[in-house]
PDB file of N, CA and C in Angstrom:
ATOM      1  N   MET A   1     -14.756   5.802  23.927  1.00  0.00           N
ATOM      2  CA  MET A   1     -13.661   5.179  23.058  1.00  0.00           C
ATOM      3  C   MET A   1     -13.808   5.661  21.566  1.00  0.00           C
ATOM      4  N   THR A   2     -12.883   6.114  20.664  1.00  0.00           N
ATOM      5  CA  THR A   2     -12.990   6.639  19.591  1.00  0.00           C
ATOM      6  C   THR A   2     -12.853   5.530  18.494  1.00  0.00           C
ATOM      7  N   GLU A   3     -13.778   5.574  17.558  1.00  0.00           N
ATOM      8  CA  GLU A   3     -13.769   4.227  16.467  1.00  0.00           C
ATOM      9  C   GLU A   3     -12.663   4.666  15.679  1.00  0.00           C
ATOM     10  N   VAL A   4     -11.811   3.555  15.158  1.00  0.00           N
ATOM     11  CA  VAL A   4     -10.755   3.682  14.303  1.00  0.00           C
ATOM     12  C   VAL A   4     -11.223   3.376  12.878  1.00  0.00           C
ATOM     13  N   THR A   5     -10.979   4.419  12.050  1.00  0.00           N
ATOM     14  CA  THR A   5     -11.468   4.469  10.532  1.00  0.00           C
ATOM     15  C   THR A   5     -10.704   3.324   9.985  1.00  0.00           C
ATOM     16  N   GLN A   6     -11.137   2.306   9.265  1.00  0.00           N
ATOM     17  CA  GLN A   6     -10.564   1.268   8.583  1.00  0.00           C
ATOM     18  C   GLN A   6     -10.745   1.796   7.009  1.00  0.00           C
ATOM     19  N   TRP A   7      -9.612   1.496   6.194  1.00  0.00           N
ATOM     20  CA  TRP A   7      -9.518   1.834   4.899  1.00  0.00           C
ATOM     21  C   TRP A   7      -9.507   0.721   4.078  1.00  0.00           C
ATOM     22  N   GLU A   8     -10.042   0.832   2.784  1.00  0.00           N
ATOM     23  CA  GLU A   8      -9.763  -0.113   1.538  1.00  0.00           C
ATOM     24  C   GLU A   8      -8.839   0.635   0.378  1.00  0.00           C
ATOM     25  N   TYR A   9      -8.093  -0.064  -0.212  1.00  0.00           N
ATOM     26  CA  TYR A   9      -7.110   0.813  -0.911  1.00  0.00           C
ATOM     27  C   TYR A   9      -7.263   0.164  -2.529  1.00  0.00           C
ATOM     28  N   ARG A  10      -6.985   0.953  -3.353  1.00  0.00           N
ATOM     29  CA  ARG A  10      -6.985   0.564  -4.683  1.00  0.00           C
ATOM     30  C   ARG A  10      -5.727   1.078  -5.365  1.00  0.00           C
ATOM     31  N   VAL A  11      -5.091   0.162  -6.037  1.00  0.00           N
ATOM     32  CA  VAL A  11      -3.725   0.538  -6.633  1.00  0.00           C
ATOM     33  C   VAL A  11      -3.929   0.211  -8.309  1.00  0.00           C
ATOM     34  N   ARG A  12      -3.700   1.039  -9.306  1.00  0.00           N
ATOM     35  CA  ARG A  12      -3.759   0.807 -10.529  1.00  0.00           C
ATOM     36  C   ARG A  12      -2.817   1.450 -11.327  1.00  0.00           C
ATOM     37  N   THR A  13      -2.276   0.633 -12.480  1.00  0.00           N
ATOM     38  CA  THR A  13      -1.165   1.123 -13.185  1.00  0.00           C
ATOM     39  C   THR A  13      -2.117   1.525 -14.641  1.00  0.00           C
ATOM     40  N   PHE A  14      -1.953   2.718 -15.032  1.00  0.00           N
ATOM     41  CA  PHE A  14      -2.281   3.084 -16.519  1.00  0.00           C
ATOM     42  C   PHE A  14      -1.219   3.394 -17.404  1.00  0.00           C
ATOM     43  N   GLY A  15      -1.516   3.201 -18.812  1.00  0.00           N
ATOM     44  CA  GLY A  15      -0.449   3.336 -19.716  1.00  0.00           C
ATOM     45  C   GLY A  15       0.029   2.025 -20.210  1.00  0.00           C
ATOM     46  N   SER A  16       0.809   2.141 -21.019  1.00  0.00           N
ATOM     47  CA  SER A  16       1.477   0.873 -21.594  1.00  0.00           C
ATOM     48  C   SER A  16       2.988   1.304 -22.091  1.00  0.00           C
ATOM     49  N   VAL A  17       3.692   0.142 -22.488  1.00  0.00           N
ATOM     50  CA  VAL A  17       5.202   0.531 -22.918  1.00  0.00           C
ATOM     51  C   VAL A  17       4.928   1.318 -24.136  1.00  0.00           C
ATOM     52  N   TRP A  18       4.030   1.281 -24.933  1.00  0.00           N
ATOM     53  CA  TRP A  18       3.782   1.769 -25.998  1.00  0.00           C
ATOM     54  C   TRP A  18       3.451   3.450 -25.906  1.00  0.00           C
ATOM     55  N   ARG A  19       2.504   3.663 -25.196  1.00  0.00           N
ATOM     56  CA  ARG A  19       1.792   4.965 -24.978  1.00  0.00           C
ATOM     57  C   ARG A  19       1.239   5.059 -23.654  1.00  0.00           C
ATOM     58  N   GLY A  20       1.135   6.097 -23.206  1.00  0.00           N
ATOM     59  CA  GLY A  20       0.459   6.591 -21.899  1.00  0.00           C
ATOM     60  C   GLY A  20      -0.996   6.826 -22.027  1.00  0.00           C
ATOM     61  N   ILE A  21      -1.596   6.986 -20.910  1.00  0.00           N
ATOM     62  CA  ILE A  21      -3.027   7.246 -20.939  1.00  0.00           C
ATOM     63  C   ILE A  21      -3.294   8.496 -21.351  1.00  0.00           C
ATOM     64  N   LYS A  22      -4.293   8.909 -22.003  1.00  0.00           N
ATOM     65  CA  LYS A  22      -4.616  10.092 -22.297  1.00  0.00           C
ATOM     66  C   LYS A  22      -5.239  10.678 -21.256  1.00  0.00           C
ATOM     67  N   ALA A  23      -5.204  12.047 -21.212  1.00  0.00           N
ATOM     68  CA  ALA A  23      -5.783  12.837 -19.893  1.00  0.00           C
ATOM     69  C   ALA A  23      -7.155  12.788 -19.809  1.00  0.00           C
ATOM     70  N   GLU A  24      -7.987  12.872 -21.119  1.00  0.00           N
ATOM     71  CA  GLU A  24      -9.358  12.772 -20.818  1.00  0.00           C
ATOM     72  C   GLU A  24      -9.758  11.351 -20.352  1.00  0.00           C
ATOM     73  N   GLU A  25      -9.005  10.373 -20.827  1.00  0.00           N
ATOM     74  CA  GLU A  25      -9.498   8.996 -20.408  1.00  0.00           C
ATOM     75  C   GLU A  25      -9.160   8.701 -18.844  1.00  0.00           C
ATOM     76  N   LEU A  26      -8.003   9.305 -18.374  1.00  0.00           N
ATOM     77  CA  LEU A  26      -7.837   9.295 -16.935  1.00  0.00           C
ATOM     78  C   LEU A  26      -8.681  10.192 -15.967  1.00  0.00           C
ATOM     79  N   GLU A  27      -9.153  11.189 -16.558  1.00  0.00           N
ATOM     80  CA  GLU A  27     -10.077  12.162 -15.796  1.00  0.00           C
ATOM     81  C   GLU A  27     -11.241  11.257 -15.778  1.00  0.00           C
ATOM     82  N   GLN A  28     -11.799  10.656 -16.683  1.00  0.00           N
ATOM     83  CA  GLN A  28     -13.171   9.921 -16.729  1.00  0.00           C
ATOM     84  C   GLN A  28     -13.045   8.869 -15.724  1.00  0.00           C
ATOM     85  N   ILE A  29     -11.982   7.889 -15.688  1.00  0.00           N
ATOM     86  CA  ILE A  29     -11.532   7.115 -14.859  1.00  0.00           C
ATOM     87  C   ILE A  29     -11.681   7.550 -13.327  1.00  0.00           C
ATOM     88  N   LEU A  30     -10.925   8.631 -13.107  1.00  0.00           N
ATOM     89  CA  LEU A  30     -10.849   9.397 -11.817  1.00  0.00           C
ATOM     90  C   LEU A  30     -12.294   9.506 -11.358  1.00  0.00           C
ATOM     91  N   ASN A  31     -12.970  10.253 -12.135  1.00  0.00           N
ATOM     92  CA  ASN A  31     -14.559  10.753 -11.882  1.00  0.00           C
ATOM     93  C   ASN A  31     -15.268   9.496 -11.453  1.00  0.00           C
ATOM     94  N   GLU A  32     -15.153   8.375 -12.334  1.00  0.00           N
ATOM     95  CA  GLU A  32     -16.001   7.191 -11.779  1.00  0.00           C
ATOM     96  C   GLU A  32     -15.418   6.753 -10.424  1.00  0.00           C
ATOM     97  N   TRP A  33     -14.254   6.885 -10.107  1.00  0.00           N
ATOM     98  CA  TRP A  33     -13.783   6.375  -8.743  1.00  0.00           C
ATOM     99  C   TRP A  33     -14.320   7.259  -7.864  1.00  0.00           C
ATOM    100  N   GLY A  34     -14.359   8.579  -7.929  1.00  0.00           N
ATOM    101  CA  GLY A  34     -14.971   9.407  -6.949  1.00  0.00           C
ATOM    102  C   GLY A  34     -16.296   9.169  -6.799  1.00  0.00           C
ATOM    103  N   GLU A  35     -17.222   8.769  -7.750  1.00  0.00           N
ATOM    104  CA  GLU A  35     -18.559   8.451  -7.643  1.00  0.00           C
ATOM    105  C   GLU A  35     -18.809   7.332  -6.697  1.00  0.00           C
ATOM    106  N   GLU A  36     -17.899   6.490  -6.822  1.00  0.00           N
ATOM    107  CA  GLU A  36     -17.613   5.088  -5.935  1.00  0.00           C
ATOM    108  C   GLU A  36     -17.202   5.497  -4.534  1.00  0.00           C
ATOM    109  N   GLY A  37     -16.617   6.682  -4.444  1.00  0.00           N
ATOM    110  CA  GLY A  37     -16.185   7.114  -2.940  1.00  0.00           C
ATOM    111  C   GLY A  37     -14.603   6.902  -2.716  1.00  0.00           C
ATOM    112  N   TRP A  38     -13.832   6.746  -4.033  1.00  0.00           N
ATOM    113  CA  TRP A  38     -12.497   6.693  -3.887  1.00  0.00           C
ATOM    114  C   TRP A  38     -12.045   8.043  -3.817  1.00  0.00           C
ATOM    115  N   GLU A  39     -10.803   8.191  -2.977  1.00  0.00           N
ATOM    116  CA  GLU A  39     -10.263   9.173  -3.208  1.00  0.00           C
ATOM    117  C   GLU A  39      -8.533   8.983  -3.224  1.00  0.00           C
ATOM    118  N   VAL A  40      -8.003   9.818  -4.459  1.00  0.00           N
ATOM    119  CA  VAL A  40      -6.550   9.592  -4.848  1.00  0.00           C
ATOM    120  C   VAL A  40      -5.762  10.292  -3.818  1.00  0.00           C
ATOM    121  N   VAL A  41      -4.904   9.426  -3.106  1.00  0.00           N
ATOM    122  CA  VAL A  41      -4.053   9.736  -2.001  1.00  0.00           C
ATOM    123  C   VAL A  41      -2.505   9.920  -2.817  1.00  0.00           C
ATOM    124  N   SER A  42      -2.137   9.257  -3.986  1.00  0.00           N
ATOM    125  CA  SER A  42      -0.888   9.342  -4.411  1.00  0.00           C
ATOM    126  C   SER A  42      -0.867   8.978  -5.932  1.00  0.00           C
ATOM    127  N   SER A  43       0.037   9.720  -6.644  1.00  0.00           N
ATOM    128  CA  SER A  43       0.089   9.220  -7.871  1.00  0.00           C
ATOM    129  C   SER A  43       1.643   9.270  -8.512  1.00  0.00           C
ATOM    130  N   TYR A  44       2.053   8.417  -9.190  1.00  0.00           N
ATOM    131  CA  TYR A  44       3.530   8.628  -9.682  1.00  0.00           C
ATOM    132  C   TYR A  44       3.877   8.078 -10.930  1.00  0.00           C
ATOM    133  N   ALA A  45       4.646   8.601 -11.663  1.00  0.00           N
ATOM    134  CA  ALA A  45       5.065   7.797 -13.168  1.00  0.00           C
ATOM    135  C   ALA A  45       6.096   6.820 -12.821  1.00  0.00           C
ATOM    136  N   ILE A  46       5.719   5.777 -13.519  1.00  0.00           N
ATOM    137  CA  ILE A  46       7.128   4.785 -13.347  1.00  0.00           C
ATOM    138  C   ILE A  46       8.133   4.971 -14.228  1.00  0.00           C
ATOM    139  N   GLU A  47       9.425   5.085 -13.842  1.00  0.00           N
ATOM    140  CA  GLU A  47      10.471   5.568 -14.587  1.00  0.00           C
ATOM    141  C   GLU A  47      10.713   4.871 -15.779  1.00  0.00           C
ATOM    142  N   ASN A  48      11.208   5.311 -16.782  1.00  0.00           N
ATOM    143  CA  ASN A  48      11.490   4.734 -18.017  1.00  0.00           C
ATOM    144  C   ASN A  48      10.325   4.097 -18.789  1.00  0.00           C
ATOM    145  N   SER A  49       9.191   4.537 -18.524  1.00  0.00           N
ATOM    146  CA  SER A  49       7.918   3.888 -19.193  1.00  0.00           C
ATOM    147  C   SER A  49       6.917   4.971 -19.454  1.00  0.00           C
ATOM    148  N   ASN A  50       5.855   4.614 -20.143  1.00  0.00           N
ATOM    149  CA  ASN A  50       4.708   5.496 -20.301  1.00  0.00           C
ATOM    150  C   ASN A  50       3.503   5.292 -19.274  1.00  0.00           C
ATOM    151  N   LYS A  51       3.967   4.627 -17.957  1.00  0.00           N
ATOM    152  CA  LYS A  51       2.985   4.254 -17.263  1.00  0.00           C
ATOM    153  C   LYS A  51       2.941   5.335 -15.914  1.00  0.00           C
ATOM    154  N   VAL A  52       1.609   5.117 -15.360  1.00  0.00           N
ATOM    155  CA  VAL A  52       1.355   5.832 -14.156  1.00  0.00           C
ATOM    156  C   VAL A  52       0.741   4.985 -13.059  1.00  0.00           C
ATOM    157  N   ASN A  53       1.166   5.015 -11.776  1.00  0.00           N
ATOM    158  CA  ASN A  53       0.384   4.152 -10.658  1.00  0.00           C
ATOM    159  C   ASN A  53      -0.430   5.162  -9.941  1.00  0.00           C
ATOM    160  N   ILE A  54      -1.453   4.966  -9.958  1.00  0.00           N
ATOM    161  CA  ILE A  54      -2.526   5.872  -8.953  1.00  0.00           C
ATOM    162  C   ILE A  54      -2.912   4.769  -7.958  1.00  0.00           C
ATOM    163  N   ILE A  55      -3.002   5.459  -6.664  1.00  0.00           N
ATOM    164  CA  ILE A  55      -3.404   4.845  -5.276  1.00  0.00           C
ATOM    165  C   ILE A  55      -4.584   5.710  -4.859  1.00  0.00           C
ATOM    166  N   ALA A  56      -5.449   5.078  -4.299  1.00  0.00           N
ATOM    167  CA  ALA A  56      -6.756   5.690  -3.906  1.00  0.00           C
ATOM    168  C   ALA A  56      -7.197   4.867  -2.757  1.00  0.00           C
ATOM    169  N   LYS A  57      -7.907   5.530  -2.006  1.00  0.00           N
ATOM    170  CA  LYS A  57      -8.588   4.902  -0.642  1.00  0.00           C
ATOM    171  C   LYS A  57      -9.909   5.171  -0.272  1.00  0.00           C
ATOM    172  N   ARG A  58     -10.609   4.628   0.323  1.00  0.00           N
ATOM    173  CA  ARG A  58     -11.976   4.868   0.800  1.00  0.00           C
ATOM    174  C   ARG A  58     -12.312   4.409   2.152  1.00  0.00           C
ATOM    175  N   PRO A  59     -13.265   4.610   2.954  1.00  0.00           N
ATOM    176  CA  PRO A  59     -13.415   4.118   4.133  1.00  0.00           C
ATOM    177  C   PRO A  59     -14.011   2.882   3.996  1.00  0.00           C
ATOM    178  N   LEU A  60     -13.558   1.854   4.613  1.00  0.00           N
ATOM    179  CA  LEU A  60     -14.208   0.433   4.904  1.00  0.00           C
ATOM    180  C   LEU A  60     -15.320   0.417   5.685  1.00  0.00           C
ATOM    181  N   THR A  61     -16.385   0.232   5.155  1.00  0.00           N
ATOM    182  CA  THR A  61     -17.719   0.197   6.030  1.00  0.00           C
ATOM    183  C   THR A  61     -18.428  -1.100   5.649  1.00  0.00           C
ATOM    184  N   ASP A  62     -19.487  -1.414   6.512  1.00  0.00           N
ATOM    185  CA  ASP A  62     -20.221  -2.680   6.156  1.00  0.00           C
ATOM    186  C   ASP A  62     -20.835  -2.605   4.912  1.00  0.00           C
ATOM    187  N   SER A  63     -21.346  -1.450   4.311  1.00  0.00           N
ATOM    188  CA  SER A  63     -21.815  -1.449   3.006  1.00  0.00           C
ATOM    189  C   SER A  63     -20.991  -1.442   1.902  1.00  0.00           C
ATOM    190  N   VAL A  64     -19.615  -1.080   2.105  1.00  0.00           N
ATOM    191  CA  VAL A  64     -18.749  -1.153   0.985  1.00  0.00           C
ATOM    192  C   VAL A  64     -17.503  -1.939   1.244  1.00  0.00           C
ATOM    193  N   ARG A  65     -17.670  -3.071   2.014  1.00  0.00           N
ATOM    194  CA  ARG A  65     -16.598  -4.124   2.320  1.00  0.00           C
ATOM    195  C   ARG A  65     -16.439  -4.975   0.867  1.00  0.00           C
ATOM    196  N   ARG A  66     -15.201  -4.983   0.556  1.00  0.00           N
ATOM    197  CA  ARG A  66     -14.781  -5.594  -0.738  1.00  0.00           C
ATOM    198  C   ARG A  66     -14.677  -6.959  -0.408  1.00  0.00           C
ATOM    199  N   GLN A  67     -14.999  -7.763  -1.590  1.00  0.00           N
ATOM    200  CA  GLN A  67     -14.554  -9.203  -1.464  1.00  0.00           C
ATOM    201  C   GLN A  67     -13.143  -9.594  -1.519  1.00  0.00           C
ATOM    202  N   ARG A  68     -12.794 -10.337  -0.590  1.00  0.00           N
ATOM    203  CA  ARG A  68     -11.288 -10.702  -0.155  1.00  0.00           C
ATOM    204  C   ARG A  68     -11.343 -12.206  -0.657  1.00  0.00           C
ATOM    205  N   SER A  69     -10.216 -12.410  -1.391  1.00  0.00           N
ATOM    206  CA  SER A  69      -9.922 -13.860  -1.776  1.00  0.00           C
ATOM    207  C   SER A  69      -8.630 -14.043  -1.365  1.00  0.00           C
ATOM    208  N   MET A  70      -8.200 -15.301  -1.048  1.00  0.00           N
ATOM    209  CA  MET A  70      -7.176 -15.716  -0.410  1.00  0.00           C
ATOM    210  C   MET A  70      -6.397 -16.359  -1.685  1.00  0.00           C
ATOM    211  N   PRO A  71      -5.197 -15.984  -1.779  1.00  0.00           N
ATOM    212  CA  PRO A  71      -4.255 -16.451  -2.927  1.00  0.00           C
ATOM    213  C   PRO A  71      -4.322 -18.134  -2.694  1.00  0.00           C
ATOM    214  N   ARG A  72      -4.019 -18.870  -4.018  1.00  0.00           N
ATOM    215  CA  ARG A  72      -4.061 -20.432  -3.720  1.00  0.00           C
ATOM    216  C   ARG A  72      -2.932 -20.838  -2.877  1.00  0.00           C
ATOM    217  N   GLY A  73      -3.105 -21.932  -2.100  1.00  0.00           N
ATOM    218  CA  GLY A  73      -2.237 -22.517  -1.232  1.00  0.00           C
ATOM    219  C   GLY A  73      -2.248 -21.998  -0.047  1.00  0.00           C
ATOM    220  N   TRP A  74      -3.435 -21.122   0.370  1.00  0.00           N
ATOM    221  CA  TRP A  74      -3.324 -20.609   1.615  1.00  0.00           C
ATOM    222  C   TRP A  74      -4.470 -21.464   2.645  1.00  0.00           C
TER     223      TRP A  74
END
């Protein structure tokens, strides 16, 4: 039987109402993510703003399991 790959996702918004993120700064962040095993799967500009959302994923393994916390009230 084939093992199913489980993924962990990261979604971050960069930029602000007043200014977007500089290309050099974004490149540095993405290189750091790459070193941590993240792969960008999507990016999109948020309409009428200077913001961009970046979505990345990496395999969820025993050695890379993220700490998950439940929201209050659960």
